[in-house]
Amino acid sequence: MNSYCKVSIARSMKALNHVCVFGRISMIKKQGSNIPKNMQIVILAACLLSFASFILNYHSVFRDQWFPSQFVASAFMFLFCTWILSEFINNIWSWKNSQKTNQDKGSYLIVVVPSMVAIVTVFVFRSFEIGIFYGGLQYIGLILLMFGILLREWSIWVLGKHFTVQVQIREKAMLVTQGPYKYIRHPAYTGSLLTFTGVPLTIGTWLGAIVVIIVCWTVHQYRIHVEEEALQEAFGSEYEEYKKRTWKLFPGF
């Protein structure tokens, strides 16, 4: 194990310890709080801090030789870290908006766990040079990554207090049809899928891209099915009319 790995691991363990201590104090102070939610925040914070310690020297994480230019290497590092941070913030915002009851049917974990495994697999493939490529397609991947993050965050911003990571329909809720929802019913998922697809394309692994497309697109289809069932039940004919004038994920689809 080289000296950088030892330092990174030490930093990660120290950060994890600090976060866990903070999490325990928070749970003790907030009597009657929802412990599972606090634990999720602690785990996400620990993962974020651990990841941040590793990117202090990004050359050891995202190798320059993976990319067609230094610009792509730097842009990918920035966008990838922005994506991780934005999802962390999205989860905190979601818990603020959450209700005790939901219609999620486990779809949140069904999306998150396989998708994260797929992304880890992508980096493993690239590290061991399995199914790799170089060229202009990596620039397209970078564009997909950037556009996907922007579209997802715009969609979440438009939803506002109605956004939750689990499928939930608030009482007296209104069907959101403005912004990207005017044309696409699930633009936040469109953004996620573009982002997931952009990662393997940018770092240059076509095999990783195939894995992501199969895994991430499949689990998102289940999530959309669960969500549309809940929306149909909540809004009835209004949602039927909305479906007729919009696309599910992309124009023509």
C-alpha atoms as a PDB file:
ATOM      1  CA  MET A   1       0.000   0.000   0.000  1.00  0.00           C
ATOM      2  CA  ASN A   2       1.562   3.326  -1.050  1.00  0.00           C
ATOM      3  CA  SER A   3       1.885   6.333   1.249  1.00  0.00           C
ATOM      4  CA  TYR A   4      -0.954   8.235  -0.452  1.00  0.00           C
ATOM      5  CA  CYS A   5      -3.424   5.380   0.163  1.00  0.00           C
ATOM      6  CA  LYS A   6      -2.363   5.188   3.832  1.00  0.00           C
ATOM      7  CA  VAL A   7      -2.863   8.941   4.302  1.00  0.00           C
ATOM      8  CA  SER A   8      -6.218   8.866   2.473  1.00  0.00           C
ATOM      9  CA  ILE A   9      -7.498   5.963   4.547  1.00  0.00           C
ATOM     10  CA  ALA A  10      -6.393   7.689   7.755  1.00  0.00           C
ATOM     11  CA  ARG A  11      -8.191  10.868   6.723  1.00  0.00           C
ATOM     12  CA  SER A  12     -11.310   8.906   5.799  1.00  0.00           C
ATOM     13  CA  MET A  13     -11.402   7.087   9.145  1.00  0.00           C
ATOM     14  CA  LYS A  14     -10.883  10.329  11.034  1.00  0.00           C
ATOM     15  CA  ALA A  15     -13.674  12.041   9.096  1.00  0.00           C
ATOM     16  CA  LEU A  16     -15.976   9.050   9.596  1.00  0.00           C
ATOM     17  CA  ASN A  17     -15.307   9.084  13.334  1.00  0.00           C
ATOM     18  CA  HIS A  18     -16.108  12.805  13.586  1.00  0.00           C
ATOM     19  CA  VAL A  19     -19.314  12.402  11.610  1.00  0.00           C
ATOM     20  CA  CYS A  20     -20.466   9.403  13.642  1.00  0.00           C
ATOM     21  CA  VAL A  21     -19.813  11.273  16.914  1.00  0.00           C
ATOM     22  CA  PHE A  22     -21.813  14.229  15.590  1.00  0.00           C
ATOM     23  CA  GLY A  23     -24.593  11.864  14.533  1.00  0.00           C
ATOM     24  CA  ARG A  24     -24.773  10.253  17.995  1.00  0.00           C
ATOM     25  CA  ILE A  25     -24.899  13.665  19.694  1.00  0.00           C
ATOM     26  CA  SER A  26     -27.647  14.828  17.327  1.00  0.00           C
ATOM     27  CA  MET A  27     -29.753  11.736  18.062  1.00  0.00           C
ATOM     28  CA  ILE A  28     -29.364  12.191  21.823  1.00  0.00           C
ATOM     29  CA  LYS A  29     -30.313  15.869  21.730  1.00  0.00           C
ATOM     30  CA  LYS A  30     -33.323  15.495  19.453  1.00  0.00           C
ATOM     31  CA  GLN A  31     -35.722  13.423  21.509  1.00  0.00           C
ATOM     32  CA  GLY A  32     -38.533  11.963  19.472  1.00  0.00           C
ATOM     33  CA  SER A  33     -36.592  12.412  16.252  1.00  0.00           C
ATOM     34  CA  ASN A  34     -36.680   9.844  13.481  1.00  0.00           C
ATOM     35  CA  ILE A  35     -33.508   7.790  14.084  1.00  0.00           C
ATOM     36  CA  PRO A  36     -33.454   6.067  10.662  1.00  0.00           C
ATOM     37  CA  LYS A  37     -33.458   9.458   8.948  1.00  0.00           C
ATOM     38  CA  ASN A  38     -30.594  10.682  11.138  1.00  0.00           C
ATOM     39  CA  MET A  39     -28.630   7.532  10.399  1.00  0.00           C
ATOM     40  CA  GLN A  40     -29.106   8.056   6.664  1.00  0.00           C
ATOM     41  CA  ILE A  41     -27.755  11.603   6.947  1.00  0.00           C
ATOM     42  CA  VAL A  42     -24.776  10.360   8.972  1.00  0.00           C
ATOM     43  CA  ILE A  43     -24.000   7.631   6.434  1.00  0.00           C
ATOM     44  CA  LEU A  44     -24.276  10.005   3.481  1.00  0.00           C
ATOM     45  CA  ALA A  45     -22.106  12.606   5.213  1.00  0.00           C
ATOM     46  CA  ALA A  46     -19.497   9.952   6.023  1.00  0.00           C
ATOM     47  CA  CYS A  47     -19.434   8.774   2.416  1.00  0.00           C
ATOM     48  CA  LEU A  48     -19.131  12.338   1.144  1.00  0.00           C
ATOM     49  CA  LEU A  49     -16.283  13.214   3.502  1.00  0.00           C
ATOM     50  CA  SER A  50     -14.494   9.961   2.745  1.00  0.00           C
ATOM     51  CA  PHE A  51     -14.783  10.615  -0.974  1.00  0.00           C
ATOM     52  CA  ALA A  52     -13.541  14.197  -0.517  1.00  0.00           C
ATOM     53  CA  SER A  53     -10.410  12.948   1.240  1.00  0.00           C
ATOM     54  CA  PHE A  54      -9.568  10.758  -1.746  1.00  0.00           C
ATOM     55  CA  ILE A  55      -9.950  13.517  -4.329  1.00  0.00           C
ATOM     56  CA  LEU A  56      -7.450  15.796  -2.570  1.00  0.00           C
ATOM     57  CA  ASN A  57      -5.020  14.355  -5.070  1.00  0.00           C
ATOM     58  CA  TYR A  58      -7.357  13.567  -7.960  1.00  0.00           C
ATOM     59  CA  HIS A  59      -4.562  12.202 -10.152  1.00  0.00           C
ATOM     60  CA  SER A  60      -4.650   9.082  -7.969  1.00  0.00           C
ATOM     61  CA  VAL A  61      -8.439   8.724  -8.446  1.00  0.00           C
ATOM     62  CA  PHE A  62      -9.170  10.011 -11.951  1.00  0.00           C
ATOM     63  CA  ARG A  63      -6.005   9.356 -13.907  1.00  0.00           C
ATOM     64  CA  ASP A  64      -5.087  11.835 -16.625  1.00  0.00           C
ATOM     65  CA  GLN A  65      -4.472   9.032 -19.122  1.00  0.00           C
ATOM     66  CA  TRP A  66      -8.162   8.116 -18.958  1.00  0.00           C
ATOM     67  CA  PHE A  67      -9.086  11.348 -20.735  1.00  0.00           C
ATOM     68  CA  PRO A  68      -8.384  12.847 -24.174  1.00  0.00           C
ATOM     69  CA  SER A  69      -7.228  16.181 -22.686  1.00  0.00           C
ATOM     70  CA  GLN A  70      -6.442  17.919 -19.418  1.00  0.00           C
ATOM     71  CA  PHE A  71      -9.602  19.991 -19.845  1.00  0.00           C
ATOM     72  CA  VAL A  72     -11.787  16.872 -19.887  1.00  0.00           C
ATOM     73  CA  ALA A  73      -9.934  15.453 -16.859  1.00  0.00           C
ATOM     74  CA  SER A  74     -10.451  18.627 -14.805  1.00  0.00           C
ATOM     75  CA  ALA A  75     -14.036  19.128 -15.986  1.00  0.00           C
ATOM     76  CA  PHE A  76     -14.940  15.538 -15.110  1.00  0.00           C
ATOM     77  CA  MET A  77     -13.458  15.859 -11.621  1.00  0.00           C
ATOM     78  CA  PHE A  78     -15.457  19.049 -11.023  1.00  0.00           C
ATOM     79  CA  LEU A  79     -18.742  17.683 -12.428  1.00  0.00           C
ATOM     80  CA  PHE A  80     -18.465  14.329 -10.685  1.00  0.00           C
ATOM     81  CA  CYS A  81     -17.882  15.974  -7.300  1.00  0.00           C
ATOM     82  CA  THR A  82     -20.709  18.435  -7.992  1.00  0.00           C
ATOM     83  CA  TRP A  83     -23.011  15.500  -8.737  1.00  0.00           C
ATOM     84  CA  ILE A  84     -22.153  13.708  -5.481  1.00  0.00           C
ATOM     85  CA  LEU A  85     -22.600  16.900  -3.452  1.00  0.00           C
ATOM     86  CA  SER A  86     -25.884  17.798  -5.164  1.00  0.00           C
ATOM     87  CA  GLU A  87     -27.354  14.363  -4.443  1.00  0.00           C
ATOM     88  CA  PHE A  88     -26.314  14.700  -0.807  1.00  0.00           C
ATOM     89  CA  ILE A  89     -28.125  18.049  -0.603  1.00  0.00           C
ATOM     90  CA  ASN A  90     -31.143  16.620  -2.457  1.00  0.00           C
ATOM     91  CA  ASN A  91     -31.486  13.881   0.157  1.00  0.00           C
ATOM     92  CA  ILE A  92     -31.373  16.361   3.030  1.00  0.00           C
ATOM     93  CA  TRP A  93     -33.979  18.520   1.271  1.00  0.00           C
ATOM     94  CA  SER A  94     -36.119  15.438   0.671  1.00  0.00           C
ATOM     95  CA  TRP A  95     -36.121  14.405   4.340  1.00  0.00           C
ATOM     96  CA  LYS A  96     -37.310  17.887   5.247  1.00  0.00           C
ATOM     97  CA  ASN A  97     -40.291  17.413   2.926  1.00  0.00           C
ATOM     98  CA  SER A  98     -41.009  13.761   3.789  1.00  0.00           C
ATOM     99  CA  GLN A  99     -44.188  12.416   5.345  1.00  0.00           C
ATOM    100  CA  LYS A 100     -44.610   9.359   7.558  1.00  0.00           C
ATOM    101  CA  THR A 101     -46.521   7.440   4.890  1.00  0.00           C
ATOM    102  CA  ASN A 102     -45.456   6.797   1.316  1.00  0.00           C
ATOM    103  CA  GLN A 103     -46.241   4.730  -1.774  1.00  0.00           C
ATOM    104  CA  ASP A 104     -42.611   3.956  -2.529  1.00  0.00           C
ATOM    105  CA  LYS A 105     -42.788   0.110  -2.579  1.00  0.00           C
ATOM    106  CA  GLY A 106     -39.035  -0.017  -2.020  1.00  0.00           C
ATOM    107  CA  SER A 107     -38.306   1.744  -5.318  1.00  0.00           C
ATOM    108  CA  TYR A 108     -35.844   4.205  -3.763  1.00  0.00           C
ATOM    109  CA  LEU A 109     -33.432   1.471  -2.666  1.00  0.00           C
ATOM    110  CA  ILE A 110     -34.109  -0.528  -5.824  1.00  0.00           C
ATOM    111  CA  VAL A 111     -32.837   2.465  -7.822  1.00  0.00           C
ATOM    112  CA  VAL A 112     -30.007   3.642  -5.572  1.00  0.00           C
ATOM    113  CA  VAL A 113     -28.230   0.383  -4.685  1.00  0.00           C
ATOM    114  CA  PRO A 114     -27.931  -1.157  -8.198  1.00  0.00           C
ATOM    115  CA  SER A 115     -27.082   2.243  -9.705  1.00  0.00           C
ATOM    116  CA  MET A 116     -24.229   2.808  -7.251  1.00  0.00           C
ATOM    117  CA  VAL A 117     -22.952  -0.721  -7.835  1.00  0.00           C
ATOM    118  CA  ALA A 118     -23.028  -0.020 -11.580  1.00  0.00           C
ATOM    119  CA  ILE A 119     -20.976   3.173 -11.137  1.00  0.00           C
ATOM    120  CA  VAL A 120     -18.396   1.377  -8.995  1.00  0.00           C
ATOM    121  CA  THR A 121     -18.216  -1.317 -11.688  1.00  0.00           C
ATOM    122  CA  VAL A 122     -17.571   1.389 -14.282  1.00  0.00           C
ATOM    123  CA  PHE A 123     -14.494   2.612 -12.385  1.00  0.00           C
ATOM    124  CA  VAL A 124     -13.274  -0.949 -11.872  1.00  0.00           C
ATOM    125  CA  PHE A 125     -13.520  -1.585 -15.617  1.00  0.00           C
ATOM    126  CA  ARG A 126     -11.614   1.618 -16.396  1.00  0.00           C
ATOM    127  CA  SER A 127      -8.946   0.957 -13.767  1.00  0.00           C
ATOM    128  CA  PHE A 128      -8.232  -2.478 -15.214  1.00  0.00           C
ATOM    129  CA  GLU A 129      -8.615  -1.216 -18.801  1.00  0.00           C
ATOM    130  CA  ILE A 130     -11.570  -3.475 -19.570  1.00  0.00           C
ATOM    131  CA  GLY A 131     -13.599  -2.400 -22.608  1.00  0.00           C
ATOM    132  CA  ILE A 132     -11.957   1.021 -22.943  1.00  0.00           C
ATOM    133  CA  PHE A 133     -11.884   3.573 -25.750  1.00  0.00           C
ATOM    134  CA  TYR A 134     -10.516   7.054 -26.470  1.00  0.00           C
ATOM    135  CA  GLY A 135     -11.818   9.870 -28.629  1.00  0.00           C
ATOM    136  CA  GLY A 136     -14.588  12.327 -29.319  1.00  0.00           C
ATOM    137  CA  LEU A 137     -17.245  10.222 -27.610  1.00  0.00           C
ATOM    138  CA  GLN A 138     -15.656  11.182 -24.302  1.00  0.00           C
ATOM    139  CA  TYR A 139     -16.511  14.837 -24.974  1.00  0.00           C
ATOM    140  CA  ILE A 140     -20.104  13.788 -25.648  1.00  0.00           C
ATOM    141  CA  GLY A 141     -20.088  11.928 -22.346  1.00  0.00           C
ATOM    142  CA  LEU A 142     -18.937  15.087 -20.569  1.00  0.00           C
ATOM    143  CA  ILE A 143     -21.801  17.049 -22.152  1.00  0.00           C
ATOM    144  CA  LEU A 144     -24.310  14.381 -21.073  1.00  0.00           C
ATOM    145  CA  LEU A 145     -22.907  14.479 -17.542  1.00  0.00           C
ATOM    146  CA  MET A 146     -23.205  18.268 -17.318  1.00  0.00           C
ATOM    147  CA  PHE A 147     -26.649  18.470 -18.935  1.00  0.00           C
ATOM    148  CA  GLY A 148     -27.947  15.613 -16.773  1.00  0.00           C
ATOM    149  CA  ILE A 149     -26.922  17.334 -13.527  1.00  0.00           C
ATOM    150  CA  LEU A 150     -28.450  20.640 -14.625  1.00  0.00           C
ATOM    151  CA  LEU A 151     -31.723  19.055 -15.751  1.00  0.00           C
ATOM    152  CA  ARG A 152     -32.133  17.062 -12.544  1.00  0.00           C
ATOM    153  CA  GLU A 153     -31.431  20.048 -10.288  1.00  0.00           C
ATOM    154  CA  TRP A 154     -33.769  22.287 -12.313  1.00  0.00           C
ATOM    155  CA  SER A 155     -36.509  19.655 -12.042  1.00  0.00           C
ATOM    156  CA  ILE A 156     -36.048  19.336  -8.271  1.00  0.00           C
ATOM    157  CA  TRP A 157     -36.081  23.114  -7.879  1.00  0.00           C
ATOM    158  CA  VAL A 158     -39.373  23.329  -9.784  1.00  0.00           C
ATOM    159  CA  LEU A 159     -40.905  20.631  -7.561  1.00  0.00           C
ATOM    160  CA  GLY A 160     -39.868  22.529  -4.447  1.00  0.00           C
ATOM    161  CA  LYS A 161     -41.615  21.234  -1.317  1.00  0.00           C
ATOM    162  CA  HIS A 162     -43.140  18.389  -3.347  1.00  0.00           C
ATOM    163  CA  PHE A 163     -39.743  16.750  -3.932  1.00  0.00           C
ATOM    164  CA  THR A 164     -38.950  13.591  -1.964  1.00  0.00           C
ATOM    165  CA  VAL A 165     -36.600  10.721  -2.746  1.00  0.00           C
ATOM    166  CA  GLN A 166     -39.367   8.279  -1.827  1.00  0.00           C
ATOM    167  CA  VAL A 167     -42.657   8.218  -3.722  1.00  0.00           C
ATOM    168  CA  GLN A 168     -45.060  10.319  -1.664  1.00  0.00           C
ATOM    169  CA  ILE A 169     -48.160  12.326  -2.558  1.00  0.00           C
ATOM    170  CA  ARG A 170     -48.987  15.152  -0.168  1.00  0.00           C
ATOM    171  CA  GLU A 171     -52.538  15.872   0.912  1.00  0.00           C
ATOM    172  CA  LYS A 172     -54.066  18.667  -1.190  1.00  0.00           C
ATOM    173  CA  ALA A 173     -51.087  18.396  -3.543  1.00  0.00           C
ATOM    174  CA  MET A 174     -51.192  20.004  -6.972  1.00  0.00           C
ATOM    175  CA  LEU A 175     -49.912  18.353 -10.148  1.00  0.00           C
ATOM    176  CA  VAL A 176     -46.699  20.149 -11.165  1.00  0.00           C
ATOM    177  CA  THR A 177     -46.790  20.919 -14.902  1.00  0.00           C
ATOM    178  CA  GLN A 178     -44.458  23.896 -15.278  1.00  0.00           C
ATOM    179  CA  GLY A 179     -40.802  24.118 -16.220  1.00  0.00           C
ATOM    180  CA  PRO A 180     -39.458  20.854 -17.672  1.00  0.00           C
ATOM    181  CA  TYR A 181     -42.651  19.114 -16.496  1.00  0.00           C
ATOM    182  CA  LYS A 182     -44.548  20.934 -19.207  1.00  0.00           C
ATOM    183  CA  TYR A 183     -43.043  18.539 -21.760  1.00  0.00           C
ATOM    184  CA  ILE A 184     -41.616  15.573 -19.794  1.00  0.00           C
ATOM    185  CA  ARG A 185     -43.317  13.782 -16.896  1.00  0.00           C
ATOM    186  CA  HIS A 186     -40.122  12.624 -15.180  1.00  0.00           C
ATOM    187  CA  PRO A 187     -37.346  15.111 -16.085  1.00  0.00           C
ATOM    188  CA  ALA A 188     -35.452  14.485 -12.832  1.00  0.00           C
ATOM    189  CA  TYR A 189     -35.047  10.843 -13.866  1.00  0.00           C
ATOM    190  CA  THR A 190     -34.105  11.916 -17.367  1.00  0.00           C
ATOM    191  CA  GLY A 191     -31.331  13.986 -15.787  1.00  0.00           C
ATOM    192  CA  SER A 192     -30.199  11.075 -13.630  1.00  0.00           C
ATOM    193  CA  LEU A 193     -30.043   8.694 -16.590  1.00  0.00           C
ATOM    194  CA  LEU A 194     -28.060  11.178 -18.663  1.00  0.00           C
ATOM    195  CA  THR A 195     -25.645  11.643 -15.762  1.00  0.00           C
ATOM    196  CA  PHE A 196     -25.196   7.915 -15.171  1.00  0.00           C
ATOM    197  CA  THR A 197     -24.602   7.370 -18.892  1.00  0.00           C
ATOM    198  CA  GLY A 198     -22.195  10.301 -19.103  1.00  0.00           C
ATOM    199  CA  VAL A 199     -19.833   8.946 -16.440  1.00  0.00           C
ATOM    200  CA  PRO A 200     -18.592   5.804 -18.283  1.00  0.00           C
ATOM    201  CA  LEU A 201     -18.534   7.601 -21.624  1.00  0.00           C
ATOM    202  CA  THR A 202     -16.374  10.422 -20.235  1.00  0.00           C
ATOM    203  CA  ILE A 203     -13.814   8.142 -18.604  1.00  0.00           C
ATOM    204  CA  GLY A 204     -13.772   5.956 -21.702  1.00  0.00           C
ATOM    205  CA  THR A 205     -15.275   2.538 -21.033  1.00  0.00           C
ATOM    206  CA  TRP A 206     -17.857   1.277 -23.495  1.00  0.00           C
ATOM    207  CA  LEU A 207     -18.408  -1.870 -21.438  1.00  0.00           C
ATOM    208  CA  GLY A 208     -19.149   0.277 -18.403  1.00  0.00           C
ATOM    209  CA  ALA A 209     -21.621   2.289 -20.475  1.00  0.00           C
ATOM    210  CA  ILE A 210     -23.460  -0.913 -21.427  1.00  0.00           C
ATOM    211  CA  VAL A 211     -23.652  -1.979 -17.766  1.00  0.00           C
ATOM    212  CA  VAL A 212     -24.997   1.431 -16.731  1.00  0.00           C
ATOM    213  CA  ILE A 213     -27.572   1.539 -19.507  1.00  0.00           C
ATOM    214  CA  ILE A 214     -28.889  -1.935 -18.673  1.00  0.00           C
ATOM    215  CA  VAL A 215     -28.899  -1.563 -14.884  1.00  0.00           C
ATOM    216  CA  CYS A 216     -29.803   2.090 -14.349  1.00  0.00           C
ATOM    217  CA  TRP A 217     -32.395   2.309 -17.082  1.00  0.00           C
ATOM    218  CA  THR A 218     -34.085  -0.903 -15.888  1.00  0.00           C
ATOM    219  CA  VAL A 219     -34.407   0.146 -12.235  1.00  0.00           C
ATOM    220  CA  HIS A 220     -35.602   3.635 -13.213  1.00  0.00           C
ATOM    221  CA  GLN A 221     -38.377   2.074 -15.273  1.00  0.00           C
ATOM    222  CA  TYR A 222     -39.612   0.310 -12.135  1.00  0.00           C
ATOM    223  CA  ARG A 223     -39.413   3.562 -10.182  1.00  0.00           C
ATOM    224  CA  ILE A 224     -41.410   5.383 -12.850  1.00  0.00           C
ATOM    225  CA  HIS A 225     -44.042   2.632 -12.838  1.00  0.00           C
ATOM    226  CA  VAL A 226     -44.486   2.982  -9.056  1.00  0.00           C
ATOM    227  CA  GLU A 227     -44.610   6.773  -9.251  1.00  0.00           C
ATOM    228  CA  GLU A 228     -47.128   6.870 -12.078  1.00  0.00           C
ATOM    229  CA  GLU A 229     -49.394   4.478 -10.196  1.00  0.00           C
ATOM    230  CA  ALA A 230     -49.357   6.830  -7.198  1.00  0.00           C
ATOM    231  CA  LEU A 231     -49.945   9.911  -9.371  1.00  0.00           C
ATOM    232  CA  GLN A 232     -52.777   8.209 -11.232  1.00  0.00           C
ATOM    233  CA  GLU A 233     -54.442   7.313  -7.962  1.00  0.00           C
ATOM    234  CA  ALA A 234     -54.019  10.844  -6.581  1.00  0.00           C
ATOM    235  CA  PHE A 235     -55.013  12.913  -9.631  1.00  0.00           C
ATOM    236  CA  GLY A 236     -57.160  10.578 -11.707  1.00  0.00           C
ATOM    237  CA  SER A 237     -58.403  12.048 -15.006  1.00  0.00           C
ATOM    238  CA  GLU A 238     -56.178  15.126 -14.572  1.00  0.00           C
ATOM    239  CA  TYR A 239     -53.113  12.911 -14.741  1.00  0.00           C
ATOM    240  CA  GLU A 240     -54.528  10.981 -17.696  1.00  0.00           C
ATOM    241  CA  GLU A 241     -54.838  14.234 -19.642  1.00  0.00           C
ATOM    242  CA  TYR A 242     -51.348  15.243 -18.565  1.00  0.00           C
ATOM    243  CA  LYS A 243     -49.925  11.940 -19.846  1.00  0.00           C
ATOM    244  CA  LYS A 244     -51.513  12.500 -23.255  1.00  0.00           C
ATOM    245  CA  ARG A 245     -49.683  15.793 -23.834  1.00  0.00           C
ATOM    246  CA  THR A 246     -46.269  14.873 -22.388  1.00  0.00           C
ATOM    247  CA  TRP A 247     -43.448  12.361 -22.891  1.00  0.00           C
ATOM    248  CA  LYS A 248     -42.262  10.003 -20.172  1.00  0.00           C
ATOM    249  CA  LEU A 249     -38.500  10.625 -20.313  1.00  0.00           C
ATOM    250  CA  PHE A 250     -37.473  11.963 -23.726  1.00  0.00           C
ATOM    251  CA  PRO A 251     -39.226  13.526 -26.701  1.00  0.00           C
ATOM    252  CA  GLY A 252     -40.822  10.685 -28.607  1.00  0.00           C
ATOM    253  CA  PHE A 253     -40.567   8.272 -25.647  1.00  0.00           C
END
